[in-house]
mmCIF file of all heavy atoms, coordinates in Angstrom:
data_MODEL
# 
_entry.id   MODEL 
# 
loop_
_atom_site.group_PDB 
_atom_site.id 
_atom_site.type_symbol 
_atom_site.label_atom_id 
_atom_site.label_alt_id 
_atom_site.label_comp_id 
_atom_site.label_asym_id 
_atom_site.label_entity_id 
_atom_site.label_seq_id 
_atom_site.pdbx_PDB_ins_code 
_atom_site.Cartn_x 
_atom_site.Cartn_y 
_atom_site.Cartn_z 
_atom_site.occupancy 
_atom_site.B_iso_or_equiv 
_atom_site.pdbx_formal_charge 
_atom_site.auth_seq_id 
_atom_site.auth_comp_id 
_atom_site.auth_asym_id 
_atom_site.auth_atom_id 
_atom_site.pdbx_PDB_model_num 
ATOM 1   N N   . SER A 1 1  ? -8.602  48.581 23.237 1.00 0.00 ? 1  SER A N   1 
ATOM 2   C CA  . SER A 1 1  ? -7.529  49.538 23.628 1.00 0.00 ? 1  SER A CA  1 
ATOM 3   C C   . SER A 1 1  ? -7.260  49.371 25.084 1.00 0.00 ? 1  SER A C   1 
ATOM 4   O O   . SER A 1 1  ? -8.177  49.324 25.880 1.00 0.00 ? 1  SER A O   1 
ATOM 5   C CB  . SER A 1 1  ? -7.867  50.950 23.251 1.00 0.00 ? 1  SER A CB  1 
ATOM 6   O OG  . SER A 1 1  ? -6.800  51.794 23.479 1.00 0.00 ? 1  SER A OG  1 
ATOM 7   N N   . SER A 1 2  ? -6.009  49.358 25.440 1.00 0.00 ? 2  SER A N   1 
ATOM 8   C CA  . SER A 1 2  ? -5.613  49.301 26.867 1.00 0.00 ? 2  SER A CA  1 
ATOM 9   C C   . SER A 1 2  ? -6.128  48.095 27.517 1.00 0.00 ? 2  SER A C   1 
ATOM 10  O O   . SER A 1 2  ? -5.978  46.947 27.089 1.00 0.00 ? 2  SER A O   1 
ATOM 11  C CB  . SER A 1 2  ? -5.896  50.598 27.431 1.00 0.00 ? 2  SER A CB  1 
ATOM 12  O OG  . SER A 1 2  ? -5.264  50.790 28.720 1.00 0.00 ? 2  SER A OG  1 
ATOM 13  N N   . ALA A 1 3  ? -6.889  48.284 28.638 1.00 0.00 ? 3  ALA A N   1 
ATOM 14  C CA  . ALA A 1 3  ? -7.440  47.070 29.413 1.00 0.00 ? 3  ALA A CA  1 
ATOM 15  C C   . ALA A 1 3  ? -8.556  46.494 28.412 1.00 0.00 ? 3  ALA A C   1 
ATOM 16  O O   . ALA A 1 3  ? -8.733  45.221 28.452 1.00 0.00 ? 3  ALA A O   1 
ATOM 17  C CB  . ALA A 1 3  ? -8.249  47.588 30.638 1.00 0.00 ? 3  ALA A CB  1 
ATOM 18  N N   . GLY A 1 4  ? -9.146  47.308 27.505 1.00 0.00 ? 4  GLY A N   1 
ATOM 19  C CA  . GLY A 1 4  ? -10.033 46.751 26.595 1.00 0.00 ? 4  GLY A CA  1 
ATOM 20  C C   . GLY A 1 4  ? -9.393  45.773 25.660 1.00 0.00 ? 4  GLY A C   1 
ATOM 21  O O   . GLY A 1 4  ? -9.965  44.874 25.154 1.00 0.00 ? 4  GLY A O   1 
ATOM 22  N N   . ALA A 1 5  ? -8.123  45.987 25.241 1.00 0.00 ? 5  ALA A N   1 
ATOM 23  C CA  . ALA A 1 5  ? -7.350  45.145 24.407 1.00 0.00 ? 5  ALA A CA  1 
ATOM 24  C C   . ALA A 1 5  ? -7.089  43.788 25.095 1.00 0.00 ? 5  ALA A C   1 
ATOM 25  O O   . ALA A 1 5  ? -7.104  42.798 24.391 1.00 0.00 ? 5  ALA A O   1 
ATOM 26  C CB  . ALA A 1 5  ? -5.985  45.745 24.051 1.00 0.00 ? 5  ALA A CB  1 
ATOM 27  N N   . ILE A 1 6  ? -6.906  43.826 26.406 1.00 0.00 ? 6  ILE A N   1 
ATOM 28  C CA  . ILE A 1 6  ? -6.760  42.572 27.111 1.00 0.00 ? 6  ILE A CA  1 
ATOM 29  C C   . ILE A 1 6  ? -7.906  41.716 27.027 1.00 0.00 ? 6  ILE A C   1 
ATOM 30  O O   . ILE A 1 6  ? -7.914  40.581 26.784 1.00 0.00 ? 6  ILE A O   1 
ATOM 31  C CB  . ILE A 1 6  ? -6.179  42.865 28.585 1.00 0.00 ? 6  ILE A CB  1 
ATOM 32  C CG1 . ILE A 1 6  ? -4.897  43.652 28.626 1.00 0.00 ? 6  ILE A CG1 1 
ATOM 33  C CG2 . ILE A 1 6  ? -6.150  41.522 29.369 1.00 0.00 ? 6  ILE A CG2 1 
ATOM 34  C CD1 . ILE A 1 6  ? -4.412  43.996 30.023 1.00 0.00 ? 6  ILE A CD1 1 
ATOM 35  N N   . ASN A 1 7  ? -9.013  42.355 27.391 1.00 0.00 ? 7  ASN A N   1 
ATOM 36  C CA  . ASN A 1 7  ? -10.312 41.648 27.358 1.00 0.00 ? 7  ASN A CA  1 
ATOM 37  C C   . ASN A 1 7  ? -10.656 41.185 25.899 1.00 0.00 ? 7  ASN A C   1 
ATOM 38  O O   . ASN A 1 7  ? -11.094 40.015 25.784 1.00 0.00 ? 7  ASN A O   1 
ATOM 39  C CB  . ASN A 1 7  ? -11.472 42.514 27.879 1.00 0.00 ? 7  ASN A CB  1 
ATOM 40  C CG  . ASN A 1 7  ? -11.492 42.706 29.404 1.00 0.00 ? 7  ASN A CG  1 
ATOM 41  O OD1 . ASN A 1 7  ? -11.027 41.803 30.120 1.00 0.00 ? 7  ASN A OD1 1 
ATOM 42  N ND2 . ASN A 1 7  ? -11.940 43.756 29.865 1.00 0.00 ? 7  ASN A ND2 1 
ATOM 43  N N   . ALA A 1 8  ? -10.437 41.965 25.026 1.00 0.00 ? 8  ALA A N   1 
ATOM 44  C CA  . ALA A 1 8  ? -10.776 41.650 23.548 1.00 0.00 ? 8  ALA A CA  1 
ATOM 45  C C   . ALA A 1 8  ? -9.879  40.478 23.123 1.00 0.00 ? 8  ALA A C   1 
ATOM 46  O O   . ALA A 1 8  ? -10.339 39.510 22.431 1.00 0.00 ? 8  ALA A O   1 
ATOM 47  C CB  . ALA A 1 8  ? -10.528 42.832 22.577 1.00 0.00 ? 8  ALA A CB  1 
ATOM 48  N N   . ALA A 1 9  ? -8.632  40.510 23.492 1.00 0.00 ? 9  ALA A N   1 
ATOM 49  C CA  . ALA A 1 9  ? -7.774  39.346 23.062 1.00 0.00 ? 9  ALA A CA  1 
ATOM 50  C C   . ALA A 1 9  ? -8.137  38.126 23.710 1.00 0.00 ? 9  ALA A C   1 
ATOM 51  O O   . ALA A 1 9  ? -8.228  37.066 23.012 1.00 0.00 ? 9  ALA A O   1 
ATOM 52  C CB  . ALA A 1 9  ? -6.334  39.758 23.417 1.00 0.00 ? 9  ALA A CB  1 
ATOM 53  N N   . PHE A 1 10 ? -8.460  38.102 24.956 1.00 0.00 ? 10 PHE A N   1 
ATOM 54  C CA  . PHE A 1 10 ? -8.965  36.854 25.596 1.00 0.00 ? 10 PHE A CA  1 
ATOM 55  C C   . PHE A 1 10 ? -10.243 36.340 25.009 1.00 0.00 ? 10 PHE A C   1 
ATOM 56  O O   . PHE A 1 10 ? -10.297 35.222 24.801 1.00 0.00 ? 10 PHE A O   1 
ATOM 57  C CB  . PHE A 1 10 ? -9.083  37.055 27.100 1.00 0.00 ? 10 PHE A CB  1 
ATOM 58  C CG  . PHE A 1 10 ? -7.718  37.013 27.939 1.00 0.00 ? 10 PHE A CG  1 
ATOM 59  C CD1 . PHE A 1 10 ? -7.255  38.145 28.608 1.00 0.00 ? 10 PHE A CD1 1 
ATOM 60  C CD2 . PHE A 1 10 ? -6.973  35.946 27.875 1.00 0.00 ? 10 PHE A CD2 1 
ATOM 61  C CE1 . PHE A 1 10 ? -6.129  38.084 29.257 1.00 0.00 ? 10 PHE A CE1 1 
ATOM 62  C CE2 . PHE A 1 10 ? -5.694  35.793 28.520 1.00 0.00 ? 10 PHE A CE2 1 
ATOM 63  C CZ  . PHE A 1 10 ? -5.314  37.021 29.190 1.00 0.00 ? 10 PHE A CZ  1 
ATOM 64  N N   . PHE A 1 11 ? -11.174 37.229 24.887 1.00 0.00 ? 11 PHE A N   1 
ATOM 65  C CA  . PHE A 1 11 ? -12.501 36.857 24.397 1.00 0.00 ? 11 PHE A CA  1 
ATOM 66  C C   . PHE A 1 11 ? -12.368 36.310 22.904 1.00 0.00 ? 11 PHE A C   1 
ATOM 67  O O   . PHE A 1 11 ? -13.075 35.347 22.537 1.00 0.00 ? 11 PHE A O   1 
ATOM 68  C CB  . PHE A 1 11 ? -13.510 38.043 24.377 1.00 0.00 ? 11 PHE A CB  1 
ATOM 69  C CG  . PHE A 1 11 ? -14.881 37.623 23.967 1.00 0.00 ? 11 PHE A CG  1 
ATOM 70  C CD1 . PHE A 1 11 ? -15.685 36.949 24.745 1.00 0.00 ? 11 PHE A CD1 1 
ATOM 71  C CD2 . PHE A 1 11 ? -15.346 38.123 22.710 1.00 0.00 ? 11 PHE A CD2 1 
ATOM 72  C CE1 . PHE A 1 11 ? -17.001 36.489 24.303 1.00 0.00 ? 11 PHE A CE1 1 
ATOM 73  C CE2 . PHE A 1 11 ? -16.691 37.860 22.342 1.00 0.00 ? 11 PHE A CE2 1 
ATOM 74  C CZ  . PHE A 1 11 ? -17.491 36.956 23.178 1.00 0.00 ? 11 PHE A CZ  1 
ATOM 75  N N   . ALA A 1 12 ? -11.481 36.926 22.105 1.00 0.00 ? 12 ALA A N   1 
ATOM 76  C CA  . ALA A 1 12 ? -11.397 36.454 20.695 1.00 0.00 ? 12 ALA A CA  1 
ATOM 77  C C   . ALA A 1 12 ? -10.818 35.052 20.677 1.00 0.00 ? 12 ALA A C   1 
ATOM 78  O O   . ALA A 1 12 ? -10.984 34.357 19.616 1.00 0.00 ? 12 ALA A O   1 
ATOM 79  C CB  . ALA A 1 12 ? -10.314 37.379 19.961 1.00 0.00 ? 12 ALA A CB  1 
ATOM 80  N N   . GLY A 1 13 ? -10.189 34.548 21.711 1.00 0.00 ? 13 GLY A N   1 
ATOM 81  C CA  . GLY A 1 13 ? -9.612  33.196 21.645 1.00 0.00 ? 13 GLY A CA  1 
ATOM 82  C C   . GLY A 1 13 ? -10.777 32.173 21.942 1.00 0.00 ? 13 GLY A C   1 
ATOM 83  O O   . GLY A 1 13 ? -10.737 30.983 21.568 1.00 0.00 ? 13 GLY A O   1 
ATOM 84  N N   . ARG A 1 14 ? -11.835 32.705 22.563 1.00 0.00 ? 14 ARG A N   1 
ATOM 85  C CA  . ARG A 1 14 ? -12.948 31.678 22.820 1.00 0.00 ? 14 ARG A CA  1 
ATOM 86  C C   . ARG A 1 14 ? -14.227 32.627 22.875 1.00 0.00 ? 14 ARG A C   1 
ATOM 87  O O   . ARG A 1 14 ? -14.736 32.911 23.893 1.00 0.00 ? 14 ARG A O   1 
ATOM 88  C CB  . ARG A 1 14 ? -12.772 31.146 24.171 1.00 0.00 ? 14 ARG A CB  1 
ATOM 89  C CG  . ARG A 1 14 ? -13.569 29.911 24.602 1.00 0.00 ? 14 ARG A CG  1 
ATOM 90  C CD  . ARG A 1 14 ? -13.022 29.380 25.848 1.00 0.00 ? 14 ARG A CD  1 
ATOM 91  N NE  . ARG A 1 14 ? -13.865 28.258 26.323 1.00 0.00 ? 14 ARG A NE  1 
ATOM 92  C CZ  . ARG A 1 14 ? -13.737 27.690 27.471 1.00 0.00 ? 14 ARG A CZ  1 
ATOM 93  N NH1 . ARG A 1 14 ? -12.756 28.112 28.320 1.00 0.00 ? 14 ARG A NH1 1 
ATOM 94  N NH2 . ARG A 1 14 ? -14.565 26.702 27.964 1.00 0.00 ? 14 ARG A NH2 1 
ATOM 95  N N   . PRO A 1 15 ? -14.683 33.005 21.648 1.00 0.00 ? 15 PRO A N   1 
ATOM 96  C CA  . PRO A 1 15 ? -15.783 34.079 21.581 1.00 0.00 ? 15 PRO A CA  1 
ATOM 97  C C   . PRO A 1 15 ? -17.191 33.506 21.771 1.00 0.00 ? 15 PRO A C   1 
ATOM 98  O O   . PRO A 1 15 ? -17.974 33.567 20.852 1.00 0.00 ? 15 PRO A O   1 
ATOM 99  C CB  . PRO A 1 15 ? -15.543 34.609 20.163 1.00 0.00 ? 15 PRO A CB  1 
ATOM 100 C CG  . PRO A 1 15 ? -15.052 33.460 19.448 1.00 0.00 ? 15 PRO A CG  1 
ATOM 101 C CD  . PRO A 1 15 ? -14.187 32.679 20.385 1.00 0.00 ? 15 PRO A CD  1 
ATOM 102 N N   . ASN A 1 16 ? -17.403 33.095 22.912 1.00 0.00 ? 16 ASN A N   1 
ATOM 103 C CA  . ASN A 1 16 ? -18.744 32.474 23.277 1.00 0.00 ? 16 ASN A CA  1 
ATOM 104 C C   . ASN A 1 16 ? -18.985 32.650 24.712 1.00 0.00 ? 16 ASN A C   1 
ATOM 105 O O   . ASN A 1 16 ? -18.140 33.210 25.503 1.00 0.00 ? 16 ASN A O   1 
ATOM 106 C CB  . ASN A 1 16 ? -18.904 31.073 22.847 1.00 0.00 ? 16 ASN A CB  1 
ATOM 107 C CG  . ASN A 1 16 ? -17.752 30.158 23.312 1.00 0.00 ? 16 ASN A CG  1 
ATOM 108 O OD1 . ASN A 1 16 ? -17.291 30.295 24.456 1.00 0.00 ? 16 ASN A OD1 1 
ATOM 109 N ND2 . ASN A 1 16 ? -17.259 29.260 22.524 1.00 0.00 ? 16 ASN A ND2 1 
ATOM 110 N N   . LEU A 1 17 ? -20.173 32.119 25.150 1.00 0.00 ? 17 LEU A N   1 
ATOM 111 C CA  . LEU A 1 17 ? -20.480 32.263 26.592 1.00 0.00 ? 17 LEU A CA  1 
ATOM 112 C C   . LEU A 1 17 ? -19.459 31.555 27.476 1.00 0.00 ? 17 LEU A C   1 
ATOM 113 O O   . LEU A 1 17 ? -19.143 32.082 28.500 1.00 0.00 ? 17 LEU A O   1 
ATOM 114 C CB  . LEU A 1 17 ? -21.871 31.668 26.762 1.00 0.00 ? 17 LEU A CB  1 
ATOM 115 C CG  . LEU A 1 17 ? -22.459 31.712 28.269 1.00 0.00 ? 17 LEU A CG  1 
ATOM 116 C CD1 . LEU A 1 17 ? -22.535 33.282 28.694 1.00 0.00 ? 17 LEU A CD1 1 
ATOM 117 C CD2 . LEU A 1 17 ? -23.859 31.238 28.318 1.00 0.00 ? 17 LEU A CD2 1 
ATOM 118 N N   . ASP A 1 18 ? -19.030 30.318 27.096 1.00 0.00 ? 18 ASP A N   1 
ATOM 119 C CA  . ASP A 1 18 ? -17.960 29.662 27.910 1.00 0.00 ? 18 ASP A CA  1 
ATOM 120 C C   . ASP A 1 18 ? -16.723 30.615 27.968 1.00 0.00 ? 18 ASP A C   1 
ATOM 121 O O   . ASP A 1 18 ? -16.089 30.684 29.104 1.00 0.00 ? 18 ASP A O   1 
ATOM 122 C CB  . ASP A 1 18 ? -17.633 28.379 27.378 1.00 0.00 ? 18 ASP A CB  1 
ATOM 123 C CG  . ASP A 1 18 ? -18.775 27.331 27.466 1.00 0.00 ? 18 ASP A CG  1 
ATOM 124 O OD1 . ASP A 1 18 ? -19.607 27.550 28.399 1.00 0.00 ? 18 ASP A OD1 1 
ATOM 125 O OD2 . ASP A 1 18 ? -18.760 26.320 26.795 1.00 0.00 ? 18 ASP A OD2 1 
ATOM 126 N N   . GLY A 1 19 ? -16.365 31.219 26.957 1.00 0.00 ? 19 GLY A N   1 
ATOM 127 C CA  . GLY A 1 19 ? -15.200 32.041 26.948 1.00 0.00 ? 19 GLY A CA  1 
ATOM 128 C C   . GLY A 1 19 ? -15.456 33.309 27.787 1.00 0.00 ? 19 GLY A C   1 
ATOM 129 O O   . GLY A 1 19 ? -14.429 33.678 28.553 1.00 0.00 ? 19 GLY A O   1 
ATOM 130 N N   . ALA A 1 20 ? -16.558 33.865 27.808 1.00 0.00 ? 20 ALA A N   1 
ATOM 131 C CA  . ALA A 1 20 ? -16.857 35.093 28.633 1.00 0.00 ? 20 ALA A CA  1 
ATOM 132 C C   . ALA A 1 20 ? -16.729 34.591 30.100 1.00 0.00 ? 20 ALA A C   1 
ATOM 133 O O   . ALA A 1 20 ? -16.254 35.379 31.057 1.00 0.00 ? 20 ALA A O   1 
ATOM 134 C CB  . ALA A 1 20 ? -18.120 35.587 28.324 1.00 0.00 ? 20 ALA A CB  1 
ATOM 135 N N   . ARG A 1 21 ? -17.292 33.451 30.410 1.00 0.00 ? 21 ARG A N   1 
ATOM 136 C CA  . ARG A 1 21 ? -17.232 33.025 31.888 1.00 0.00 ? 21 ARG A CA  1 
ATOM 137 C C   . ARG A 1 21 ? -15.796 32.657 32.360 1.00 0.00 ? 21 ARG A C   1 
ATOM 138 O O   . ARG A 1 21 ? -15.491 32.756 33.427 1.00 0.00 ? 21 ARG A O   1 
ATOM 139 C CB  . ARG A 1 21 ? -18.208 31.836 32.020 1.00 0.00 ? 21 ARG A CB  1 
ATOM 140 C CG  . ARG A 1 21 ? -19.623 32.267 31.889 1.00 0.00 ? 21 ARG A CG  1 
ATOM 141 C CD  . ARG A 1 21 ? -20.644 31.202 31.983 1.00 0.00 ? 21 ARG A CD  1 
ATOM 142 N NE  . ARG A 1 21 ? -22.026 31.653 32.077 1.00 0.00 ? 21 ARG A NE  1 
ATOM 143 C CZ  . ARG A 1 21 ? -23.177 30.999 31.881 1.00 0.00 ? 21 ARG A CZ  1 
ATOM 144 N NH1 . ARG A 1 21 ? -23.001 29.699 31.574 1.00 0.00 ? 21 ARG A NH1 1 
ATOM 145 N NH2 . ARG A 1 21 ? -24.334 31.506 32.045 1.00 0.00 ? 21 ARG A NH2 1 
ATOM 146 N N   . ALA A 1 22 ? -15.007 32.124 31.354 1.00 0.00 ? 22 ALA A N   1 
ATOM 147 C CA  . ALA A 1 22 ? -13.662 31.821 31.686 1.00 0.00 ? 22 ALA A CA  1 
ATOM 148 C C   . ALA A 1 22 ? -12.917 33.152 31.897 1.00 0.00 ? 22 ALA A C   1 
ATOM 149 O O   . ALA A 1 22 ? -12.074 33.226 32.885 1.00 0.00 ? 22 ALA A O   1 
ATOM 150 C CB  . ALA A 1 22 ? -12.966 31.104 30.545 1.00 0.00 ? 22 ALA A CB  1 
ATOM 151 N N   . LEU A 1 23 ? -13.230 34.117 31.162 1.00 0.00 ? 23 LEU A N   1 
ATOM 152 C CA  . LEU A 1 23 ? -12.673 35.473 31.434 1.00 0.00 ? 23 LEU A CA  1 
ATOM 153 C C   . LEU A 1 23 ? -13.041 36.050 32.835 1.00 0.00 ? 23 LEU A C   1 
ATOM 154 O O   . LEU A 1 23 ? -12.250 36.660 33.549 1.00 0.00 ? 23 LEU A O   1 
ATOM 155 C CB  . LEU A 1 23 ? -12.956 36.448 30.269 1.00 0.00 ? 23 LEU A CB  1 
ATOM 156 C CG  . LEU A 1 23 ? -12.379 37.846 30.324 1.00 0.00 ? 23 LEU A CG  1 
ATOM 157 C CD1 . LEU A 1 23 ? -10.787 37.788 30.417 1.00 0.00 ? 23 LEU A CD1 1 
ATOM 158 C CD2 . LEU A 1 23 ? -12.831 38.593 29.091 1.00 0.00 ? 23 LEU A CD2 1 
ATOM 159 N N   . ARG A 1 24 ? -14.269 35.783 33.084 1.00 0.00 ? 24 ARG A N   1 
ATOM 160 C CA  . ARG A 1 24 ? -14.828 36.201 34.442 1.00 0.00 ? 24 ARG A CA  1 
ATOM 161 C C   . ARG A 1 24 ? -14.021 35.568 35.545 1.00 0.00 ? 24 ARG A C   1 
ATOM 162 O O   . ARG A 1 24 ? -13.625 36.237 36.519 1.00 0.00 ? 24 ARG A O   1 
ATOM 163 C CB  . ARG A 1 24 ? -16.302 35.812 34.535 1.00 0.00 ? 24 ARG A CB  1 
ATOM 164 C CG  . ARG A 1 24 ? -16.829 35.905 36.055 1.00 0.00 ? 24 ARG A CG  1 
ATOM 165 C CD  . ARG A 1 24 ? -18.103 35.232 36.198 1.00 0.00 ? 24 ARG A CD  1 
ATOM 166 N NE  . ARG A 1 24 ? -19.211 36.096 35.814 1.00 0.00 ? 24 ARG A NE  1 
ATOM 167 C CZ  . ARG A 1 24 ? -19.898 36.845 36.681 1.00 0.00 ? 24 ARG A CZ  1 
ATOM 168 N NH1 . ARG A 1 24 ? -19.569 36.839 37.973 1.00 0.00 ? 24 ARG A NH1 1 
ATOM 169 N NH2 . ARG A 1 24 ? -20.822 37.537 36.299 1.00 0.00 ? 24 ARG A NH2 1 
# 
């Protein structure tokens, strides 16, 4: 929800450690 929706959506596209680091 809200900012959490943005993070959730990005992570869902690449739901692994590489994806988390790309979001970072």
